[in-house]
């Protein structure tokens, strides 16, 4: 995610992350440097894990990752649920641009993960 200067800066920053562990990410979104720390709060290897924000800009952010074997491949499905800060102003931002932005961001991240996982 080079375009956003995303990088892990704390917690588990290399290798696989496991139950109860945390990672802190820094990235630039909307020209603002942001920091988010998430913790693995559910872990059912190899089928599912959930990371939830423990510090960051969102009031709440939960991100589920599901993995399902199909034929000779693994299908990954992301489900995210969040609540923006700033009450009504945050809900307006969701409607106007934020939800679309977050969907695109997660699709780009999934494509990057796929490339790495497949050895590219």
N, C-alpha and C. Protein backbone atom coordinates (compact mmCIF):
# COMPACT_ATOMS: atom_id res chain seq x y z
N UNK A 1 0.84 -1.18 0.00
CA UNK A 1 0.00 0.00 0.00
C UNK A 1 0.89 1.25 0.00
N UNK A 2 1.83 1.26 -0.91
CA UNK A 2 2.80 2.35 -0.97
C UNK A 2 2.18 3.72 -1.20
N UNK A 3 1.10 3.79 -1.97
CA UNK A 3 0.48 5.07 -2.27
C UNK A 3 0.00 5.80 -1.03
N UNK A 4 -0.26 5.06 0.04
CA UNK A 4 -0.71 5.66 1.29
C UNK A 4 0.39 5.66 2.34
N UNK A 5 1.58 5.25 1.91
CA UNK A 5 2.73 5.18 2.82
C UNK A 5 2.39 4.35 4.06
N UNK A 6 1.66 3.26 3.82
CA UNK A 6 1.23 2.41 4.92
C UNK A 6 2.38 1.52 5.39
N UNK A 7 2.52 1.45 6.70
CA UNK A 7 3.55 0.57 7.26
C UNK A 7 3.20 0.22 8.69
N UNK A 8 3.60 -0.98 9.08
CA UNK A 8 3.41 -1.42 10.46
C UNK A 8 4.53 -0.81 11.31
N UNK A 9 4.15 -0.19 12.42
CA UNK A 9 5.15 0.52 13.24
C UNK A 9 5.23 0.01 14.67
N UNK A 10 4.31 -0.85 15.08
CA UNK A 10 4.34 -1.34 16.45
C UNK A 10 3.62 -2.66 16.58
N UNK A 11 3.89 -3.36 17.67
CA UNK A 11 3.30 -4.67 17.86
C UNK A 11 3.95 -5.66 16.92
N UNK A 12 3.15 -6.55 16.34
CA UNK A 12 3.67 -7.54 15.39
C UNK A 12 3.84 -6.84 14.04
N UNK A 13 5.08 -6.68 13.61
CA UNK A 13 5.35 -5.96 12.36
C UNK A 13 5.91 -6.86 11.27
N UNK A 14 6.11 -8.14 11.57
CA UNK A 14 6.61 -9.08 10.56
C UNK A 14 6.04 -10.46 10.86
N UNK A 15 5.88 -11.24 9.81
CA UNK A 15 5.37 -12.59 9.98
C UNK A 15 3.87 -12.60 10.24
N UNK A 16 3.40 -13.74 10.73
CA UNK A 16 1.96 -13.90 10.98
C UNK A 16 1.60 -13.36 12.36
N UNK A 17 0.38 -12.87 12.46
CA UNK A 17 -0.13 -12.36 13.73
C UNK A 17 -1.13 -13.38 14.28
N UNK A 18 -1.22 -13.48 15.60
CA UNK A 18 -2.08 -14.48 16.21
C UNK A 18 -3.04 -13.91 17.22
N UNK A 19 -3.79 -14.78 17.88
CA UNK A 19 -4.84 -14.35 18.80
C UNK A 19 -4.29 -13.47 19.92
N UNK A 20 -5.00 -12.36 20.16
CA UNK A 20 -4.63 -11.45 21.23
C UNK A 20 -3.51 -10.50 20.89
N UNK A 21 -2.84 -10.70 19.76
CA UNK A 21 -1.73 -9.83 19.40
C UNK A 21 -2.24 -8.56 18.71
N UNK A 22 -1.39 -7.54 18.75
CA UNK A 22 -1.76 -6.24 18.17
C UNK A 22 -0.74 -5.81 17.13
N UNK A 23 -1.19 -4.95 16.24
CA UNK A 23 -0.31 -4.29 15.28
C UNK A 23 -0.77 -2.84 15.16
N UNK A 24 0.19 -1.94 15.07
CA UNK A 24 -0.10 -0.53 14.85
C UNK A 24 0.34 -0.17 13.44
N UNK A 25 -0.58 0.46 12.72
CA UNK A 25 -0.33 0.88 11.34
C UNK A 25 -0.29 2.39 11.27
N UNK A 26 0.59 2.90 10.44
CA UNK A 26 0.58 4.31 10.08
C UNK A 26 0.35 4.40 8.59
N UNK A 27 -0.47 5.36 8.18
CA UNK A 27 -0.75 5.54 6.76
C UNK A 27 -1.28 6.96 6.56
N UNK A 28 -1.21 7.42 5.32
CA UNK A 28 -1.73 8.73 4.98
C UNK A 28 -3.03 8.55 4.21
N UNK A 29 -4.11 9.10 4.77
CA UNK A 29 -5.41 9.08 4.12
C UNK A 29 -5.96 10.50 4.15
N UNK A 30 -6.43 10.97 3.02
CA UNK A 30 -6.97 12.32 2.91
C UNK A 30 -5.94 13.37 3.33
N UNK A 31 -4.69 13.12 2.96
CA UNK A 31 -3.56 14.01 3.24
C UNK A 31 -3.25 14.14 4.73
N UNK A 32 -3.80 13.25 5.54
CA UNK A 32 -3.56 13.29 6.99
C UNK A 32 -2.89 11.99 7.41
N UNK A 33 -1.79 12.12 8.14
CA UNK A 33 -1.10 10.94 8.67
C UNK A 33 -1.95 10.35 9.78
N UNK A 34 -2.28 9.08 9.66
CA UNK A 34 -3.16 8.43 10.63
C UNK A 34 -2.45 7.26 11.27
N UNK A 35 -2.89 6.91 12.45
CA UNK A 35 -2.34 5.77 13.19
C UNK A 35 -3.52 4.96 13.73
N UNK A 36 -3.46 3.64 13.52
CA UNK A 36 -4.53 2.75 13.97
C UNK A 36 -3.88 1.51 14.58
N UNK A 37 -4.34 1.13 15.75
CA UNK A 37 -3.88 -0.11 16.38
C UNK A 37 -5.05 -1.07 16.41
N UNK A 38 -4.81 -2.28 15.94
CA UNK A 38 -5.85 -3.30 15.98
C UNK A 38 -5.34 -4.55 16.69
N UNK A 39 -6.27 -5.29 17.25
CA UNK A 39 -5.98 -6.52 18.00
C UNK A 39 -6.75 -7.67 17.36
N UNK A 40 -6.14 -8.83 17.32
CA UNK A 40 -6.83 -10.02 16.84
C UNK A 40 -7.73 -10.50 17.98
N UNK A 41 -9.04 -10.38 17.79
CA UNK A 41 -9.99 -10.70 18.86
C UNK A 41 -10.73 -12.02 18.62
N UNK A 42 -10.64 -12.55 17.43
CA UNK A 42 -11.20 -13.87 17.11
C UNK A 42 -10.22 -14.54 16.16
N UNK A 43 -10.00 -15.84 16.38
CA UNK A 43 -8.98 -16.54 15.59
C UNK A 43 -9.35 -18.01 15.50
N UNK A 44 -9.77 -18.44 14.33
CA UNK A 44 -10.14 -19.83 14.08
C UNK A 44 -9.37 -20.30 12.85
N UNK A 45 -8.07 -20.48 13.03
CA UNK A 45 -7.23 -20.88 11.91
C UNK A 45 -7.65 -22.23 11.38
N UNK A 46 -7.75 -22.41 10.11
CA UNK A 46 -7.38 -21.52 9.00
C UNK A 46 -8.58 -20.83 8.36
N UNK A 47 -9.72 -20.77 9.06
CA UNK A 47 -10.96 -20.32 8.43
C UNK A 47 -11.32 -18.85 8.65
N UNK A 48 -10.90 -18.27 9.77
CA UNK A 48 -11.41 -16.93 10.08
C UNK A 48 -10.53 -16.25 11.12
N UNK A 49 -10.41 -14.92 11.00
CA UNK A 49 -9.92 -14.12 12.11
C UNK A 49 -10.54 -12.74 12.02
N UNK A 50 -10.62 -12.09 13.17
CA UNK A 50 -11.18 -10.74 13.25
C UNK A 50 -10.17 -9.83 13.92
N UNK A 51 -9.94 -8.68 13.28
CA UNK A 51 -9.16 -7.64 13.96
C UNK A 51 -10.10 -6.49 14.26
N UNK A 52 -9.93 -5.94 15.46
CA UNK A 52 -10.76 -4.82 15.92
C UNK A 52 -9.86 -3.69 16.37
N UNK A 53 -10.25 -2.48 16.02
CA UNK A 53 -9.48 -1.30 16.42
C UNK A 53 -9.51 -1.15 17.93
N UNK A 54 -8.33 -0.93 18.50
CA UNK A 54 -8.24 -0.60 19.93
C UNK A 54 -7.78 0.84 20.12
N UNK A 55 -7.24 1.45 19.07
CA UNK A 55 -6.87 2.87 19.09
C UNK A 55 -6.88 3.38 17.66
N UNK A 56 -7.43 4.55 17.45
CA UNK A 56 -7.46 5.12 16.11
C UNK A 56 -8.61 6.09 15.95
N UNK A 57 -8.80 6.52 14.72
CA UNK A 57 -9.76 7.59 14.43
C UNK A 57 -11.22 7.14 14.50
N UNK A 58 -11.50 5.87 14.18
CA UNK A 58 -12.88 5.40 14.17
C UNK A 58 -13.41 5.24 15.60
N UNK A 59 -14.71 5.41 15.75
CA UNK A 59 -15.32 5.10 17.06
C UNK A 59 -15.24 3.60 17.29
N UNK A 60 -15.41 2.85 16.18
CA UNK A 60 -15.33 1.38 16.23
C UNK A 60 -14.99 0.90 14.83
N UNK A 61 -14.16 -0.13 14.75
CA UNK A 61 -13.82 -0.72 13.45
C UNK A 61 -13.52 -2.20 13.67
N UNK A 62 -14.32 -3.06 13.05
CA UNK A 62 -14.13 -4.50 13.11
C UNK A 62 -13.98 -5.02 11.70
N UNK A 63 -13.02 -5.91 11.51
CA UNK A 63 -12.70 -6.42 10.18
C UNK A 63 -12.53 -7.93 10.25
N UNK A 64 -13.47 -8.64 9.64
CA UNK A 64 -13.44 -10.11 9.61
C UNK A 64 -12.83 -10.58 8.29
N UNK A 65 -12.01 -11.61 8.39
CA UNK A 65 -11.36 -12.23 7.25
C UNK A 65 -11.77 -13.70 7.24
N UNK A 66 -12.40 -14.14 6.16
CA UNK A 66 -12.85 -15.52 6.03
C UNK A 66 -12.09 -16.18 4.89
N UNK A 67 -11.69 -17.43 5.10
CA UNK A 67 -10.94 -18.19 4.10
C UNK A 67 -11.65 -19.51 3.87
N UNK A 68 -11.91 -19.82 2.58
CA UNK A 68 -12.63 -21.04 2.24
C UNK A 68 -11.93 -21.74 1.09
N UNK A 69 -11.57 -23.02 1.29
CA UNK A 69 -10.97 -23.75 0.16
C UNK A 69 -12.03 -24.08 -0.89
N UNK A 70 -11.69 -23.81 -2.14
CA UNK A 70 -12.57 -24.16 -3.26
C UNK A 70 -11.70 -24.75 -4.36
N UNK A 71 -11.99 -25.98 -4.70
CA UNK A 71 -11.19 -26.69 -5.69
C UNK A 71 -9.72 -26.62 -5.27
N UNK A 72 -8.88 -25.99 -6.06
CA UNK A 72 -7.46 -25.95 -5.72
C UNK A 72 -7.01 -24.55 -5.28
N UNK A 73 -7.97 -23.70 -4.91
CA UNK A 73 -7.64 -22.33 -4.49
C UNK A 73 -8.28 -22.03 -3.14
N UNK A 74 -7.86 -20.93 -2.55
CA UNK A 74 -8.48 -20.43 -1.32
C UNK A 74 -9.17 -19.12 -1.65
N UNK A 75 -10.43 -19.02 -1.28
CA UNK A 75 -11.20 -17.80 -1.49
C UNK A 75 -11.20 -17.00 -0.19
N UNK A 76 -10.84 -15.73 -0.29
CA UNK A 76 -10.81 -14.86 0.88
C UNK A 76 -11.98 -13.88 0.77
N UNK A 77 -12.70 -13.72 1.87
CA UNK A 77 -13.80 -12.75 1.93
C UNK A 77 -13.56 -11.83 3.10
N UNK A 78 -13.62 -10.53 2.86
CA UNK A 78 -13.49 -9.51 3.90
C UNK A 78 -14.86 -8.96 4.23
N UNK A 79 -15.12 -8.81 5.52
CA UNK A 79 -16.34 -8.14 5.98
C UNK A 79 -15.90 -7.11 7.00
N UNK A 80 -16.24 -5.85 6.75
CA UNK A 80 -15.86 -4.83 7.71
C UNK A 80 -17.10 -4.07 8.18
N UNK A 81 -17.03 -3.65 9.42
CA UNK A 81 -18.12 -2.92 10.04
C UNK A 81 -17.47 -1.85 10.90
N UNK A 82 -17.90 -0.62 10.74
CA UNK A 82 -17.26 0.46 11.47
C UNK A 82 -18.27 1.53 11.84
N UNK A 83 -17.86 2.37 12.75
CA UNK A 83 -18.65 3.55 13.11
C UNK A 83 -17.70 4.73 13.08
N UNK A 84 -18.05 5.71 12.27
CA UNK A 84 -17.22 6.90 12.14
C UNK A 84 -17.32 7.78 13.38
N UNK A 85 -16.30 8.60 13.61
CA UNK A 85 -16.38 9.57 14.70
C UNK A 85 -17.29 10.74 14.30
N UNK A 86 -17.55 11.62 15.19
CA UNK A 86 -18.23 12.90 14.95
C UNK A 86 -19.73 12.78 14.71
N UNK A 87 -20.35 11.68 15.17
CA UNK A 87 -21.80 11.56 15.13
C UNK A 87 -22.41 11.82 13.77
N UNK A 88 -23.36 12.78 13.68
CA UNK A 88 -24.05 13.04 12.41
C UNK A 88 -23.09 13.46 11.29
N UNK A 89 -22.06 14.21 11.62
CA UNK A 89 -21.08 14.62 10.61
C UNK A 89 -20.34 13.40 10.05
N UNK A 90 -20.02 12.45 10.92
CA UNK A 90 -19.37 11.22 10.48
C UNK A 90 -20.29 10.38 9.60
N UNK A 91 -21.57 10.31 9.95
CA UNK A 91 -22.53 9.57 9.13
C UNK A 91 -22.70 10.21 7.76
N UNK A 92 -22.65 11.54 7.71
CA UNK A 92 -22.71 12.24 6.43
C UNK A 92 -21.47 11.91 5.60
N UNK A 93 -20.30 11.91 6.23
CA UNK A 93 -19.06 11.55 5.52
C UNK A 93 -19.15 10.13 4.98
N UNK A 94 -19.72 9.20 5.76
CA UNK A 94 -19.91 7.83 5.28
C UNK A 94 -20.72 7.83 3.99
N UNK A 95 -21.83 8.53 4.01
CA UNK A 95 -22.74 8.56 2.88
C UNK A 95 -22.09 9.20 1.66
N UNK A 96 -21.37 10.30 1.87
CA UNK A 96 -20.82 11.06 0.75
C UNK A 96 -19.60 10.39 0.14
N UNK A 97 -18.67 9.88 0.98
CA UNK A 97 -17.43 9.35 0.40
C UNK A 97 -16.73 8.24 1.18
N UNK A 98 -16.87 8.18 2.48
CA UNK A 98 -16.01 7.30 3.27
C UNK A 98 -16.26 5.81 3.03
N UNK A 99 -17.52 5.40 2.95
CA UNK A 99 -17.80 3.98 2.75
C UNK A 99 -17.23 3.50 1.41
N UNK A 100 -17.38 4.28 0.36
CA UNK A 100 -16.82 3.93 -0.94
C UNK A 100 -15.29 3.87 -0.87
N UNK A 101 -14.71 4.84 -0.20
CA UNK A 101 -13.25 4.88 -0.05
C UNK A 101 -12.76 3.63 0.69
N UNK A 102 -13.43 3.26 1.78
CA UNK A 102 -13.01 2.10 2.56
C UNK A 102 -13.15 0.81 1.75
N UNK A 103 -14.20 0.68 0.98
CA UNK A 103 -14.37 -0.52 0.14
C UNK A 103 -13.23 -0.64 -0.87
N UNK A 104 -12.90 0.47 -1.52
CA UNK A 104 -11.79 0.46 -2.49
C UNK A 104 -10.47 0.13 -1.81
N UNK A 105 -10.24 0.70 -0.64
CA UNK A 105 -9.01 0.45 0.11
C UNK A 105 -8.88 -1.04 0.44
N UNK A 106 -9.94 -1.65 0.94
CA UNK A 106 -9.88 -3.06 1.30
C UNK A 106 -9.71 -3.95 0.07
N UNK A 107 -10.28 -3.57 -1.05
CA UNK A 107 -10.07 -4.34 -2.29
C UNK A 107 -8.62 -4.25 -2.73
N UNK A 108 -8.03 -3.07 -2.64
CA UNK A 108 -6.61 -2.92 -3.00
C UNK A 108 -5.73 -3.73 -2.06
N UNK A 109 -6.04 -3.70 -0.77
CA UNK A 109 -5.26 -4.46 0.20
C UNK A 109 -5.38 -5.97 -0.07
N UNK A 110 -6.60 -6.43 -0.37
CA UNK A 110 -6.81 -7.85 -0.68
C UNK A 110 -6.00 -8.26 -1.90
N UNK A 111 -5.96 -7.40 -2.93
CA UNK A 111 -5.16 -7.70 -4.12
C UNK A 111 -3.69 -7.78 -3.78
N UNK A 112 -3.21 -6.89 -2.89
CA UNK A 112 -1.80 -6.91 -2.48
C UNK A 112 -1.49 -8.19 -1.70
N UNK A 113 -2.39 -8.57 -0.82
CA UNK A 113 -2.20 -9.82 -0.04
C UNK A 113 -2.17 -11.01 -0.99
N UNK A 114 -3.06 -11.03 -1.97
CA UNK A 114 -3.10 -12.13 -2.93
C UNK A 114 -1.77 -12.24 -3.68
N UNK A 115 -1.25 -11.12 -4.11
CA UNK A 115 0.03 -11.12 -4.83
C UNK A 115 1.14 -11.71 -3.98
N UNK A 116 1.22 -11.27 -2.74
CA UNK A 116 2.26 -11.78 -1.83
C UNK A 116 2.04 -13.26 -1.54
N UNK A 117 0.80 -13.65 -1.25
CA UNK A 117 0.49 -15.03 -0.90
C UNK A 117 0.79 -15.99 -2.05
N UNK A 118 0.63 -15.51 -3.27
CA UNK A 118 0.87 -16.36 -4.44
C UNK A 118 2.32 -16.29 -4.93
N UNK A 119 3.15 -15.60 -4.16
CA UNK A 119 4.57 -15.58 -4.48
C UNK A 119 4.99 -14.49 -5.44
N UNK A 120 4.10 -13.54 -5.72
CA UNK A 120 4.44 -12.45 -6.65
C UNK A 120 5.02 -11.31 -5.93
